[in-house]
Amino acid sequence: ELLCGLSVLELCLVIAIKHHSEIYDRDPFNFEIIFARFAKFAKVSTTMQGIERAVSLKAFERLRHMEVILPLTNSVGKVQKDFEMHRLALTYGQINDAVQKYQALPTEVAQWAKSSII
């Protein structure tokens, strides 16, 4: 339910996190890692092109506030927020369910969620 209330950008970041977690066996990640993965998708996507880094960072922070992702440490103020390491608080099944149930999700985003990783 919570995931179906996300914006398309936020869901795209969750999908990027899922892909990263699948490739790197659930290794921690930071915004920079996830933004780079999302940016590769956005380059070939007609609906997600032109999304600014600052807007993506805000969406990433919202995922943190919603506890979709959790910081590894309470290093507030010590590490620049772009580089603070996080872990995913969801299962892949929860993400896949949300992608299927999401209303009016652009087809290319749904295909990216199911695809082998970009």
C-alpha atoms as a PDB file:
ATOM      1  CA  GLU A   1       0.000   0.000   0.000  1.00  0.00           C
ATOM      2  CA  LEU A   2       2.731   2.423   1.010  1.00  0.00           C
ATOM      3  CA  LEU A   3       4.618   1.874  -2.252  1.00  0.00           C
ATOM      4  CA  CYS A   4       1.571   2.572  -4.417  1.00  0.00           C
ATOM      5  CA  GLY A   5       1.503   6.074  -2.895  1.00  0.00           C
ATOM      6  CA  LEU A   6       4.995   6.873  -4.148  1.00  0.00           C
ATOM      7  CA  SER A   7       5.618   9.201  -7.065  1.00  0.00           C
ATOM      8  CA  VAL A   8       6.855   7.614 -10.287  1.00  0.00           C
ATOM      9  CA  LEU A   9      10.314   9.060  -9.570  1.00  0.00           C
ATOM     10  CA  GLU A  10      10.358   7.568  -6.065  1.00  0.00           C
ATOM     11  CA  LEU A  11       9.284   4.193  -7.437  1.00  0.00           C
ATOM     12  CA  CYS A  12      12.040   4.441 -10.069  1.00  0.00           C
ATOM     13  CA  LEU A  13      14.584   4.995  -7.293  1.00  0.00           C
ATOM     14  CA  VAL A  14      13.209   1.936  -5.464  1.00  0.00           C
ATOM     15  CA  ILE A  15      13.586  -0.081  -8.679  1.00  0.00           C
ATOM     16  CA  ALA A  16      17.173   1.195  -9.057  1.00  0.00           C
ATOM     17  CA  ILE A  17      17.838   0.152  -5.443  1.00  0.00           C
ATOM     18  CA  LYS A  18      16.323  -3.281  -6.140  1.00  0.00           C
ATOM     19  CA  HIS A  19      18.561  -3.749  -9.199  1.00  0.00           C
ATOM     20  CA  HIS A  20      21.628  -2.646  -7.204  1.00  0.00           C
ATOM     21  CA  SER A  21      20.707  -5.049  -4.397  1.00  0.00           C
ATOM     22  CA  GLU A  22      20.265  -7.952  -6.820  1.00  0.00           C
ATOM     23  CA  ILE A  23      23.624  -7.336  -8.480  1.00  0.00           C
ATOM     24  CA  TYR A  24      25.595  -6.696  -5.298  1.00  0.00           C
ATOM     25  CA  ASP A  25      23.891  -9.207  -2.997  1.00  0.00           C
ATOM     26  CA  ARG A  26      22.075  -6.587  -0.893  1.00  0.00           C
ATOM     27  CA  ASP A  27      25.200  -4.494  -0.336  1.00  0.00           C
ATOM     28  CA  PRO A  28      24.564  -1.046   1.167  1.00  0.00           C
ATOM     29  CA  PHE A  29      24.169   1.888  -1.186  1.00  0.00           C
ATOM     30  CA  ASN A  30      24.133   5.668  -1.168  1.00  0.00           C
ATOM     31  CA  PHE A  31      22.331   8.265  -3.240  1.00  0.00           C
ATOM     32  CA  GLU A  32      25.235   8.642  -5.677  1.00  0.00           C
ATOM     33  CA  ILE A  33      25.202   4.925  -6.544  1.00  0.00           C
ATOM     34  CA  ILE A  34      21.435   4.829  -7.007  1.00  0.00           C
ATOM     35  CA  PHE A  35      21.275   8.102  -8.928  1.00  0.00           C
ATOM     36  CA  ALA A  36      23.903   6.810 -11.385  1.00  0.00           C
ATOM     37  CA  ARG A  37      21.818   3.664 -11.988  1.00  0.00           C
ATOM     38  CA  PHE A  38      18.612   5.694 -12.359  1.00  0.00           C
ATOM     39  CA  ALA A  39      20.344   8.168 -14.716  1.00  0.00           C
ATOM     40  CA  LYS A  40      21.303   5.298 -17.064  1.00  0.00           C
ATOM     41  CA  PHE A  41      17.646   4.310 -17.259  1.00  0.00           C
ATOM     42  CA  ALA A  42      16.475   7.926 -17.606  1.00  0.00           C
ATOM     43  CA  LYS A  43      18.797   8.436 -20.597  1.00  0.00           C
ATOM     44  CA  VAL A  44      16.866   5.819 -22.615  1.00  0.00           C
ATOM     45  CA  SER A  45      13.463   6.608 -21.088  1.00  0.00           C
ATOM     46  CA  THR A  46      11.052   9.044 -22.690  1.00  0.00           C
ATOM     47  CA  THR A  47       9.093   9.680 -19.485  1.00  0.00           C
ATOM     48  CA  MET A  48      11.997  10.067 -17.047  1.00  0.00           C
ATOM     49  CA  GLN A  49      14.402  12.206 -19.108  1.00  0.00           C
ATOM     50  CA  GLY A  50      15.448  15.561 -17.739  1.00  0.00           C
ATOM     51  CA  ILE A  51      14.868  14.856 -14.052  1.00  0.00           C
ATOM     52  CA  GLU A  52      17.283  16.982 -12.091  1.00  0.00           C
ATOM     53  CA  ARG A  53      19.688  15.580  -9.544  1.00  0.00           C
ATOM     54  CA  ALA A  54      18.304  17.817  -6.776  1.00  0.00           C
ATOM     55  CA  VAL A  55      14.758  16.562  -7.420  1.00  0.00           C
ATOM     56  CA  SER A  56      16.016  12.967  -7.304  1.00  0.00           C
ATOM     57  CA  LEU A  57      17.828  13.660  -4.021  1.00  0.00           C
ATOM     58  CA  LYS A  58      14.582  15.001  -2.506  1.00  0.00           C
ATOM     59  CA  ALA A  59      12.781  11.826  -3.625  1.00  0.00           C
ATOM     60  CA  PHE A  60      15.582   9.699  -2.102  1.00  0.00           C
ATOM     61  CA  GLU A  61      15.257  11.604   1.185  1.00  0.00           C
ATOM     62  CA  ARG A  62      11.491  11.027   1.151  1.00  0.00           C
ATOM     63  CA  LEU A  63      12.110   7.269   0.812  1.00  0.00           C
ATOM     64  CA  ARG A  64      14.316   7.525   3.883  1.00  0.00           C
ATOM     65  CA  HIS A  65      11.665   9.425   5.865  1.00  0.00           C
ATOM     66  CA  MET A  66       9.094   6.794   4.879  1.00  0.00           C
ATOM     67  CA  GLU A  67      11.571   4.106   6.049  1.00  0.00           C
ATOM     68  CA  VAL A  68      11.620   2.370   2.678  1.00  0.00           C
ATOM     69  CA  ILE A  69      15.399   2.687   3.028  1.00  0.00           C
ATOM     70  CA  LEU A  70      17.254   2.813   6.315  1.00  0.00           C
ATOM     71  CA  PRO A  71      20.578   4.483   7.109  1.00  0.00           C
ATOM     72  CA  LEU A  72      23.312   2.116   8.292  1.00  0.00           C
ATOM     73  CA  THR A  73      24.490   4.475  11.007  1.00  0.00           C
ATOM     74  CA  ASN A  74      23.359   7.605  12.763  1.00  0.00           C
ATOM     75  CA  SER A  75      26.140   9.640  11.234  1.00  0.00           C
ATOM     76  CA  VAL A  76      24.088  12.804  11.036  1.00  0.00           C
ATOM     77  CA  GLY A  77      26.332  15.718  10.161  1.00  0.00           C
ATOM     78  CA  LYS A  78      29.439  13.571   9.717  1.00  0.00           C
ATOM     79  CA  VAL A  79      28.812  12.315   6.176  1.00  0.00           C
ATOM     80  CA  GLN A  80      27.443  14.326   3.284  1.00  0.00           C
ATOM     81  CA  LYS A  81      23.885  13.050   2.749  1.00  0.00           C
ATOM     82  CA  ASP A  82      24.609  12.034  -0.860  1.00  0.00           C
ATOM     83  CA  PHE A  83      27.202   9.559   0.407  1.00  0.00           C
ATOM     84  CA  GLU A  84      25.527   8.196   3.533  1.00  0.00           C
ATOM     85  CA  MET A  85      25.119   4.438   3.233  1.00  0.00           C
ATOM     86  CA  HIS A  86      21.642   2.851   3.393  1.00  0.00           C
ATOM     87  CA  ARG A  87      20.003  -0.534   3.110  1.00  0.00           C
ATOM     88  CA  LEU A  88      16.701  -1.572   1.604  1.00  0.00           C
ATOM     89  CA  ALA A  89      13.909  -2.254   4.112  1.00  0.00           C
ATOM     90  CA  LEU A  90      11.685  -4.096   1.602  1.00  0.00           C
ATOM     91  CA  THR A  91      11.668  -7.502  -0.025  1.00  0.00           C
ATOM     92  CA  TYR A  92      11.918  -7.853  -3.786  1.00  0.00           C
ATOM     93  CA  GLY A  93       8.426  -9.373  -3.711  1.00  0.00           C
ATOM     94  CA  GLN A  94       6.981  -6.235  -2.100  1.00  0.00           C
ATOM     95  CA  ILE A  95       8.572  -4.102  -4.806  1.00  0.00           C
ATOM     96  CA  ASN A  96       7.322  -6.375  -7.608  1.00  0.00           C
ATOM     97  CA  ASP A  97       3.789  -6.313  -6.144  1.00  0.00           C
ATOM     98  CA  ALA A  98       3.845  -2.520  -5.986  1.00  0.00           C
ATOM     99  CA  VAL A  99       4.969  -2.266  -9.611  1.00  0.00           C
ATOM    100  CA  GLN A 100       2.082  -4.530 -10.673  1.00  0.00           C
ATOM    101  CA  LYS A 101      -0.524  -2.649  -8.608  1.00  0.00           C
ATOM    102  CA  TYR A 102       0.702   0.891  -9.343  1.00  0.00           C
ATOM    103  CA  GLN A 103      -1.949   2.892 -11.186  1.00  0.00           C
ATOM    104  CA  ALA A 104      -0.899   4.489 -14.498  1.00  0.00           C
ATOM    105  CA  LEU A 105       2.759   3.452 -14.233  1.00  0.00           C
ATOM    106  CA  PRO A 106       4.572   4.249 -17.494  1.00  0.00           C
ATOM    107  CA  THR A 107       5.116   1.002 -19.418  1.00  0.00           C
ATOM    108  CA  GLU A 108       8.866   1.543 -19.743  1.00  0.00           C
ATOM    109  CA  VAL A 109       9.189   1.845 -15.952  1.00  0.00           C
ATOM    110  CA  ALA A 110       7.253  -1.407 -15.429  1.00  0.00           C
ATOM    111  CA  GLN A 111       9.443  -3.121 -18.037  1.00  0.00           C
ATOM    112  CA  TRP A 112      12.604  -1.788 -16.383  1.00  0.00           C
ATOM    113  CA  ALA A 113      11.418  -3.170 -13.043  1.00  0.00           C
ATOM    114  CA  LYS A 114      11.050  -6.656 -14.571  1.00  0.00           C
ATOM    115  CA  SER A 115      14.063  -6.497 -16.848  1.00  0.00           C
ATOM    116  CA  SER A 116      17.519  -7.697 -16.396  1.00  0.00           C
ATOM    117  CA  ILE A 117      19.473  -4.837 -15.031  1.00  0.00           C
ATOM    118  CA  ILE A 118      20.551  -1.745 -16.995  1.00  0.00           C
END
